[in-house]
Amino acid sequence: MNIFITGNPGCGKSTLIQKILAEISDKKISGFITPEIRVRGQRQGFKIIDLASKEEEIMASLNLNRGPGVSRYRVNVKGIDFIIDKFMKSYEDSQCVIIDEIGMMEFFSRKFREAIKQVLISDKVVMATLSRKFVKKYKDKGQIFFLTRDNFDEIYNRILAKIRDLSPKAG
């Protein structure tokens, strides 16, 4: 089962992922998160962190001189590739896959695109945040939840119940 969470910037997609992660710690989890890098309250970029190994890289930054550009940021494709390699090592033995996020920055990585294709056709429970720009592309690949600040608790409870009720075949 594939669960996608989308919504406007700042609606709480990554917060929702973190909250659900804390509730499903009894499951074998693989995946990655992409938290903001903040300096003195200002966003400077994003990390990409493998959930199993805890290894991390800079995914995008205002301070990188090379790499494809997205908005004001430069994307570190090699860093994304490194974390995707780590993720794929833990993926086979996991029950639940967490991806934060499927978005423009990540899509510069060929390894990322290939991993997403593989993960979404697996029998694992997949929960991913989804950039609004990718909703049409993924609308028939799983259930999409549109998150707002007003429906955060409702969506959290619905997704958590779905994940808890599923008994995925372990890889």
Protein backbone atom coordinates (compact mmCIF):
# COMPACT_ATOMS: atom_id res chain seq x y z
CA MET A 1 0.00 0.00 0.00
CA ASN A 2 1.29 3.43 -0.96
CA ILE A 3 0.27 6.45 1.10
CA PHE A 4 1.14 9.92 -0.17
CA ILE A 5 0.89 13.09 1.89
CA THR A 6 0.79 16.40 0.06
CA GLY A 7 -0.20 19.96 0.85
CA ASN A 8 0.99 23.53 0.86
CA PRO A 9 4.44 24.41 2.22
CA GLY A 10 4.38 24.61 6.01
CA CYS A 11 1.22 22.51 6.46
CA GLY A 12 3.09 19.89 8.52
CA LYS A 13 3.93 17.07 6.08
CA SER A 14 7.36 16.38 7.58
CA THR A 15 6.01 16.83 11.11
CA LEU A 16 3.32 14.25 10.33
CA ILE A 17 5.97 11.80 9.09
CA GLN A 18 8.04 12.28 12.26
CA LYS A 19 5.00 11.79 14.49
CA ILE A 20 3.98 8.58 12.71
CA LEU A 21 7.57 7.30 12.77
CA ALA A 22 7.52 7.60 16.57
CA GLU A 23 4.34 5.49 16.69
CA ILE A 24 5.52 2.64 14.45
CA SER A 25 8.89 1.96 16.00
CA ASP A 26 7.88 -1.70 16.39
CA LYS A 27 8.08 -2.16 12.59
CA LYS A 28 11.19 -2.65 10.49
CA ILE A 29 11.53 0.74 8.83
CA SER A 30 13.70 1.94 5.98
CA GLY A 31 13.71 5.23 4.15
CA PHE A 32 14.96 8.74 4.55
CA ILE A 33 13.97 12.17 5.74
CA THR A 34 14.98 15.60 4.45
CA PRO A 35 14.98 18.07 7.34
CA GLU A 36 15.73 21.75 6.88
CA ILE A 37 19.12 23.19 7.73
CA ARG A 38 18.53 26.41 9.67
CA VAL A 39 21.10 28.99 10.69
CA ARG A 40 19.94 31.79 13.00
CA GLY A 41 16.33 31.00 12.10
CA GLN A 42 16.92 31.18 8.34
CA ARG A 43 16.61 28.14 6.09
CA GLN A 44 19.96 27.49 4.41
CA GLY A 45 19.19 24.14 2.81
CA PHE A 46 18.18 20.55 3.45
CA LYS A 47 19.85 17.39 4.74
CA ILE A 48 18.98 13.89 3.59
CA ILE A 49 19.23 11.27 6.35
CA ASP A 50 18.96 7.50 5.97
CA LEU A 51 16.63 6.18 8.70
CA ALA A 52 18.39 2.83 9.17
CA SER A 53 22.05 3.85 9.25
CA LYS A 54 21.48 7.45 10.44
CA GLU A 55 24.05 8.58 7.86
CA GLU A 56 23.41 11.98 6.39
CA GLU A 57 24.43 14.26 3.58
CA ILE A 58 23.65 17.79 2.47
CA MET A 59 20.87 17.44 -0.11
CA ALA A 60 20.70 21.10 -1.14
CA SER A 61 22.14 24.34 0.12
CA LEU A 62 22.44 28.03 -0.54
CA ASN A 63 26.17 27.56 0.02
CA LEU A 64 26.88 24.99 -2.71
CA ASN A 65 28.58 26.34 -5.83
CA ARG A 66 27.75 23.39 -8.08
CA GLY A 67 24.78 21.26 -8.88
CA PRO A 68 21.38 21.76 -10.44
CA GLY A 69 19.38 24.68 -9.12
CA VAL A 70 15.96 24.59 -7.50
CA SER A 71 14.75 27.97 -6.36
CA ARG A 72 17.70 29.52 -4.49
CA TYR A 73 19.35 26.17 -3.71
CA ARG A 74 21.96 24.00 -5.41
CA VAL A 75 21.31 20.26 -5.27
CA ASN A 76 24.02 17.80 -4.18
CA VAL A 77 23.17 14.86 -6.45
CA LYS A 78 26.16 12.81 -5.22
CA GLY A 79 24.93 13.23 -1.65
CA ILE A 80 21.43 12.05 -2.60
CA ASP A 81 22.93 9.06 -4.45
CA PHE A 82 25.02 8.13 -1.39
CA ILE A 83 21.95 8.09 0.87
CA ILE A 84 19.87 6.18 -1.69
CA ASP A 85 22.59 3.50 -1.73
CA LYS A 86 22.34 3.28 2.08
CA PHE A 87 18.54 3.17 1.94
CA MET A 88 18.50 0.35 -0.62
CA LYS A 89 20.69 -1.80 1.68
CA SER A 90 18.05 -1.69 4.44
CA TYR A 91 15.02 -1.64 2.13
CA GLU A 92 14.74 -5.40 1.44
CA ASP A 93 14.38 -6.32 5.12
CA SER A 94 11.93 -3.55 5.97
CA GLN A 95 8.16 -3.71 6.41
CA CYS A 96 7.52 -0.01 6.09
CA VAL A 97 9.23 2.56 3.87
CA ILE A 98 9.24 6.26 4.77
CA ILE A 99 10.16 8.81 2.09
CA ASP A 100 10.28 12.49 2.95
CA GLU A 101 10.02 13.64 0.14
CA ILE A 102 9.33 12.97 -3.51
CA GLY A 103 10.17 16.38 -4.94
CA MET A 104 12.10 18.40 -7.48
CA MET A 105 15.45 18.30 -5.66
CA GLU A 106 15.42 14.54 -5.22
CA PHE A 107 14.40 13.94 -8.83
CA PHE A 108 17.77 15.18 -10.10
CA SER A 109 19.15 11.83 -8.87
CA ARG A 110 18.71 8.92 -11.29
CA LYS A 111 19.23 6.52 -8.35
CA PHE A 112 16.39 8.23 -6.49
CA ARG A 113 14.01 7.90 -9.46
CA GLU A 114 14.88 4.20 -9.90
CA ALA A 115 14.50 3.50 -6.17
CA ILE A 116 11.08 5.17 -6.08
CA LYS A 117 9.88 3.05 -9.02
CA GLN A 118 11.01 -0.12 -7.26
CA VAL A 119 9.57 0.82 -3.87
CA LEU A 120 6.15 1.81 -5.20
CA ILE A 121 5.57 -1.57 -6.88
CA SER A 122 6.67 -3.52 -3.80
CA ASP A 123 4.35 -5.20 -1.30
CA LYS A 124 5.65 -2.97 1.50
CA VAL A 125 3.76 -0.20 3.24
CA VAL A 126 5.12 3.02 1.74
CA MET A 127 4.44 6.43 3.24
CA ALA A 128 5.83 9.40 1.34
CA THR A 129 5.44 13.13 1.31
CA LEU A 130 4.77 14.35 -2.18
CA SER A 131 5.49 17.74 -3.70
CA ARG A 132 2.29 19.26 -5.10
CA LYS A 133 4.02 19.30 -8.51
CA PHE A 134 4.07 15.48 -8.49
CA VAL A 135 0.45 14.79 -7.48
CA LYS A 136 -0.74 14.13 -11.06
CA LYS A 137 2.21 11.82 -11.73
CA TYR A 138 1.49 9.65 -8.66
CA LYS A 139 -2.30 9.90 -8.32
CA ASP A 140 -2.89 6.29 -9.50
CA LYS A 141 0.00 4.81 -7.52
CA GLY A 142 -1.60 5.04 -4.08
CA GLN A 143 -3.87 6.99 -1.78
CA ILE A 144 -3.18 10.72 -1.58
CA PHE A 145 -3.97 12.70 1.56
CA PHE A 146 -4.13 16.51 1.24
CA LEU A 147 -2.83 17.85 4.54
CA THR A 148 -3.73 21.22 6.02
CA ARG A 149 -3.11 22.67 9.45
CA ASP A 150 -6.83 22.23 10.14
CA ASN A 151 -7.02 18.51 9.27
CA PHE A 152 -3.60 17.47 10.67
CA ASP A 153 -4.99 15.36 13.55
CA GLU A 154 -7.62 13.69 11.36
CA ILE A 155 -5.08 12.75 8.65
CA TYR A 156 -2.58 11.58 11.28
CA ASN A 157 -5.16 9.26 12.85
CA ARG A 158 -6.36 7.90 9.48
CA ILE A 159 -2.84 7.13 8.24
CA LEU A 160 -1.71 5.65 11.55
CA ALA A 161 -4.74 3.35 11.62
CA LYS A 162 -4.03 2.21 8.04
CA ILE A 163 -0.40 1.42 8.83
CA ARG A 164 -1.21 -0.40 12.05
CA ASP A 165 -3.90 -2.50 10.34
CA LEU A 166 -1.66 -3.67 7.53
CA SER A 167 0.44 -6.78 7.83
CA PRO A 168 2.91 -6.38 4.96
CA LYS A 169 4.92 -9.33 3.76
CA ALA A 170 8.46 -8.79 4.95
CA GLY A 171 11.08 -8.77 2.18
